[in-house]
Amino acid sequence: DVQLVESGGGSVQPGGSLRLSCVASGYSYSQYCMGWFRQGLGLEREGVAAISIRGGLQGGTTYYADSVKGRFTISQDDAQTTVYLQMDSLKPEDTAMYYCAADTGLCWPRALRTYEYNYWGQGTQVTVS
């Protein structure tokens, strides 16, 4: 079964940076999508960023919510087993529980849709204050 292990959450001042990591294991498929989602208190879970893994012409393609474009960067390691979310210029409104998610197949067009992912990590708290 697919398992996701997250790390990197913490507390930072506005304008600071954090780097989240998500390691996926247990996949028996060559192609999958991994994404980052977040949920603030009293708010619905929203898609933050996603990346297509081993997706042919779409492989490495990234997707971002408008609220984080230019500040957050999603990437993968060379082994294509770990996905990172580099968060720069953090704002108080970025405070949320961040979740790593994964599923088989390409990201598009479901990249930032929470209901399109079958596997989820435990979440890691990010606090900007």
C-alpha atoms as a PDB file:
ATOM      1  CA  ASP A   1       0.000   0.000   0.000  1.00  0.00           C
ATOM      2  CA  VAL A   2       1.119   3.580  -0.608  1.00  0.00           C
ATOM      3  CA  GLN A   3       2.433   5.457   2.403  1.00  0.00           C
ATOM      4  CA  LEU A   4       3.437   9.104   2.696  1.00  0.00           C
ATOM      5  CA  VAL A   5       5.832  10.503   5.281  1.00  0.00           C
ATOM      6  CA  GLU A   6       5.949  14.269   5.774  1.00  0.00           C
ATOM      7  CA  SER A   7       8.416  16.507   7.554  1.00  0.00           C
ATOM      8  CA  GLY A   8       9.563  20.116   7.697  1.00  0.00           C
ATOM      9  CA  GLY A   9       6.722  21.988   9.359  1.00  0.00           C
ATOM     10  CA  GLY A  10       7.344  24.581  12.028  1.00  0.00           C
ATOM     11  CA  SER A  11       6.948  28.197  13.075  1.00  0.00           C
ATOM     12  CA  VAL A  12       8.501  31.150  11.266  1.00  0.00           C
ATOM     13  CA  GLN A  13       8.188  34.917  11.167  1.00  0.00           C
ATOM     14  CA  PRO A  14       6.491  36.650   8.242  1.00  0.00           C
ATOM     15  CA  GLY A  15       8.865  36.779   5.297  1.00  0.00           C
ATOM     16  CA  GLY A  16      10.639  33.634   6.412  1.00  0.00           C
ATOM     17  CA  SER A  17      11.008  30.283   4.665  1.00  0.00           C
ATOM     18  CA  LEU A  18      10.260  26.627   5.268  1.00  0.00           C
ATOM     19  CA  ARG A  19      10.876  23.500   3.226  1.00  0.00           C
ATOM     20  CA  LEU A  20       8.439  20.613   3.485  1.00  0.00           C
ATOM     21  CA  SER A  21       9.309  17.081   2.386  1.00  0.00           C
ATOM     22  CA  CYS A  22       7.106  14.140   1.463  1.00  0.00           C
ATOM     23  CA  VAL A  23       8.467  10.658   0.846  1.00  0.00           C
ATOM     24  CA  ALA A  24       6.235   8.209  -0.989  1.00  0.00           C
ATOM     25  CA  SER A  25       6.675   4.454  -0.710  1.00  0.00           C
ATOM     26  CA  GLY A  26       4.770   1.356  -1.695  1.00  0.00           C
ATOM     27  CA  TYR A  27       3.944   2.393  -5.251  1.00  0.00           C
ATOM     28  CA  SER A  28       3.758  -0.365  -7.842  1.00  0.00           C
ATOM     29  CA  TYR A  29       3.138   2.082 -10.695  1.00  0.00           C
ATOM     30  CA  SER A  30       5.602   4.152 -12.684  1.00  0.00           C
ATOM     31  CA  GLN A  31       3.377   7.210 -13.012  1.00  0.00           C
ATOM     32  CA  TYR A  32       1.708   9.200 -10.252  1.00  0.00           C
ATOM     33  CA  CYS A  33       0.785  12.662  -9.041  1.00  0.00           C
ATOM     34  CA  MET A  34       1.836  14.194  -5.740  1.00  0.00           C
ATOM     35  CA  GLY A  35       0.422  17.363  -4.292  1.00  0.00           C
ATOM     36  CA  TRP A  36       0.386  19.618  -1.275  1.00  0.00           C
ATOM     37  CA  PHE A  37      -2.823  20.796   0.344  1.00  0.00           C
ATOM     38  CA  ARG A  38      -3.526  22.942   3.366  1.00  0.00           C
ATOM     39  CA  GLN A  39      -6.363  23.623   5.745  1.00  0.00           C
ATOM     40  CA  GLY A  40      -6.591  26.574   8.093  1.00  0.00           C
ATOM     41  CA  LEU A  41      -8.837  26.647  11.143  1.00  0.00           C
ATOM     42  CA  GLY A  42     -12.455  27.006  10.100  1.00  0.00           C
ATOM     43  CA  LEU A  43     -11.582  26.752   6.404  1.00  0.00           C
ATOM     44  CA  GLU A  44     -11.935  24.085   3.746  1.00  0.00           C
ATOM     45  CA  ARG A  45      -8.924  22.166   2.542  1.00  0.00           C
ATOM     46  CA  GLU A  46      -7.391  23.775  -0.518  1.00  0.00           C
ATOM     47  CA  GLY A  47      -4.855  22.686  -3.088  1.00  0.00           C
ATOM     48  CA  VAL A  48      -1.493  24.448  -2.897  1.00  0.00           C
ATOM     49  CA  ALA A  49       0.764  22.773  -5.453  1.00  0.00           C
ATOM     50  CA  ALA A  50       1.179  19.524  -7.360  1.00  0.00           C
ATOM     51  CA  ILE A  51       3.704  17.813  -9.596  1.00  0.00           C
ATOM     52  CA  SER A  52       3.429  15.008 -12.140  1.00  0.00           C
ATOM     53  CA  ILE A  53       5.884  12.165 -11.538  1.00  0.00           C
ATOM     54  CA  ARG A  54       7.116  10.085 -14.493  1.00  0.00           C
ATOM     55  CA  GLY A  55       4.289  11.401 -16.617  1.00  0.00           C
ATOM     56  CA  GLY A  56       5.912  11.358 -20.048  1.00  0.00           C
ATOM     57  CA  LEU A  57       5.447  14.717 -21.758  1.00  0.00           C
ATOM     58  CA  GLN A  58       3.687  15.963 -18.621  1.00  0.00           C
ATOM     59  CA  GLY A  59       6.356  14.616 -16.297  1.00  0.00           C
ATOM     60  CA  GLY A  60       7.656  17.323 -13.978  1.00  0.00           C
ATOM     61  CA  THR A  61       4.789  19.663 -14.788  1.00  0.00           C
ATOM     62  CA  THR A  62       3.851  21.752 -11.772  1.00  0.00           C
ATOM     63  CA  TYR A  63       0.633  23.387 -10.660  1.00  0.00           C
ATOM     64  CA  TYR A  64       0.097  26.177  -8.128  1.00  0.00           C
ATOM     65  CA  ALA A  65      -2.736  27.952  -6.435  1.00  0.00           C
ATOM     66  CA  ASP A  66      -2.858  31.642  -7.304  1.00  0.00           C
ATOM     67  CA  SER A  67      -2.296  32.543  -3.663  1.00  0.00           C
ATOM     68  CA  VAL A  68       1.183  30.971  -3.616  1.00  0.00           C
ATOM     69  CA  LYS A  69       2.499  31.560  -7.142  1.00  0.00           C
ATOM     70  CA  GLY A  70       5.899  33.204  -7.079  1.00  0.00           C
ATOM     71  CA  ARG A  71       6.452  32.271  -3.432  1.00  0.00           C
ATOM     72  CA  PHE A  72       6.176  28.470  -3.281  1.00  0.00           C
ATOM     73  CA  THR A  73       8.033  25.925  -5.393  1.00  0.00           C
ATOM     74  CA  ILE A  74       7.242  22.224  -5.660  1.00  0.00           C
ATOM     75  CA  SER A  75       9.979  19.880  -6.851  1.00  0.00           C
ATOM     76  CA  GLN A  76      11.112  16.255  -6.823  1.00  0.00           C
ATOM     77  CA  ASP A  77      14.411  14.541  -6.136  1.00  0.00           C
ATOM     78  CA  ASP A  78      16.400  12.734  -8.823  1.00  0.00           C
ATOM     79  CA  ALA A  79      15.151   9.337  -7.644  1.00  0.00           C
ATOM     80  CA  GLN A  80      11.573  10.601  -7.949  1.00  0.00           C
ATOM     81  CA  THR A  81      10.691   9.300  -4.508  1.00  0.00           C
ATOM     82  CA  THR A  82      10.558  12.574  -2.581  1.00  0.00           C
ATOM     83  CA  VAL A  83       8.611  15.750  -3.257  1.00  0.00           C
ATOM     84  CA  TYR A  84       9.486  19.081  -1.680  1.00  0.00           C
ATOM     85  CA  LEU A  85       7.591  22.281  -1.114  1.00  0.00           C
ATOM     86  CA  GLN A  86       9.888  25.270  -0.735  1.00  0.00           C
ATOM     87  CA  MET A  87       7.932  28.097   0.858  1.00  0.00           C
ATOM     88  CA  ASP A  88       9.429  31.578   0.713  1.00  0.00           C
ATOM     89  CA  SER A  89       8.096  34.996   1.681  1.00  0.00           C
ATOM     90  CA  LEU A  90       5.665  33.365   4.062  1.00  0.00           C
ATOM     91  CA  LYS A  91       2.640  35.325   5.193  1.00  0.00           C
ATOM     92  CA  PRO A  92       0.391  34.910   8.242  1.00  0.00           C
ATOM     93  CA  GLU A  93      -2.382  33.697   5.927  1.00  0.00           C
ATOM     94  CA  ASP A  94      -0.168  30.729   4.998  1.00  0.00           C
ATOM     95  CA  THR A  95      -0.696  29.367   8.508  1.00  0.00           C
ATOM     96  CA  ALA A  96      -2.383  25.972   8.156  1.00  0.00           C
ATOM     97  CA  MET A  97      -2.014  22.247   8.475  1.00  0.00           C
ATOM     98  CA  TYR A  98      -0.228  21.102   5.334  1.00  0.00           C
ATOM     99  CA  TYR A  99      -0.908  17.673   3.863  1.00  0.00           C
ATOM    100  CA  CYS A 100       0.936  15.653   1.266  1.00  0.00           C
ATOM    101  CA  ALA A 101      -1.256  13.646  -1.103  1.00  0.00           C
ATOM    102  CA  ALA A 102      -0.660  11.182  -3.920  1.00  0.00           C
ATOM    103  CA  ASP A 103      -2.468   9.122  -6.511  1.00  0.00           C
ATOM    104  CA  THR A 104      -1.706   7.141  -9.636  1.00  0.00           C
ATOM    105  CA  GLY A 105      -1.773   8.667 -13.087  1.00  0.00           C
ATOM    106  CA  LEU A 106      -1.305  12.233 -14.306  1.00  0.00           C
ATOM    107  CA  CYS A 107      -2.063  15.334 -12.272  1.00  0.00           C
ATOM    108  CA  TRP A 108      -4.003  17.198 -14.938  1.00  0.00           C
ATOM    109  CA  PRO A 109      -6.795  18.166 -14.685  1.00  0.00           C
ATOM    110  CA  ARG A 110      -7.301  17.143 -11.031  1.00  0.00           C
ATOM    111  CA  ALA A 111      -4.011  18.536  -9.695  1.00  0.00           C
ATOM    112  CA  LEU A 112      -5.486  20.773  -6.986  1.00  0.00           C
ATOM    113  CA  ARG A 113      -8.722  18.911  -6.323  1.00  0.00           C
ATOM    114  CA  THR A 114      -8.729  17.286  -2.901  1.00  0.00           C
ATOM    115  CA  TYR A 115     -11.228  14.575  -3.816  1.00  0.00           C
ATOM    116  CA  GLU A 116      -9.045  13.250  -6.644  1.00  0.00           C
ATOM    117  CA  TYR A 117      -6.323  11.904  -4.341  1.00  0.00           C
ATOM    118  CA  ASN A 118      -6.566   8.522  -2.646  1.00  0.00           C
ATOM    119  CA  TYR A 119      -3.500   8.658  -0.400  1.00  0.00           C
ATOM    120  CA  TRP A 120      -2.765  11.237   2.284  1.00  0.00           C
ATOM    121  CA  GLY A 121      -0.065  11.971   4.791  1.00  0.00           C
ATOM    122  CA  GLN A 122      -0.652  12.795   8.437  1.00  0.00           C
ATOM    123  CA  GLY A 123      -0.180  16.537   8.029  1.00  0.00           C
ATOM    124  CA  THR A 124       2.425  18.964   9.317  1.00  0.00           C
ATOM    125  CA  GLN A 125       1.659  22.293  10.958  1.00  0.00           C
ATOM    126  CA  VAL A 126       2.991  25.524   9.498  1.00  0.00           C
ATOM    127  CA  THR A 127       2.606  28.656  11.589  1.00  0.00           C
ATOM    128  CA  VAL A 128       3.616  32.107  10.366  1.00  0.00           C
ATOM    129  CA  SER A 129       3.553  34.757  13.068  1.00  0.00           C
END
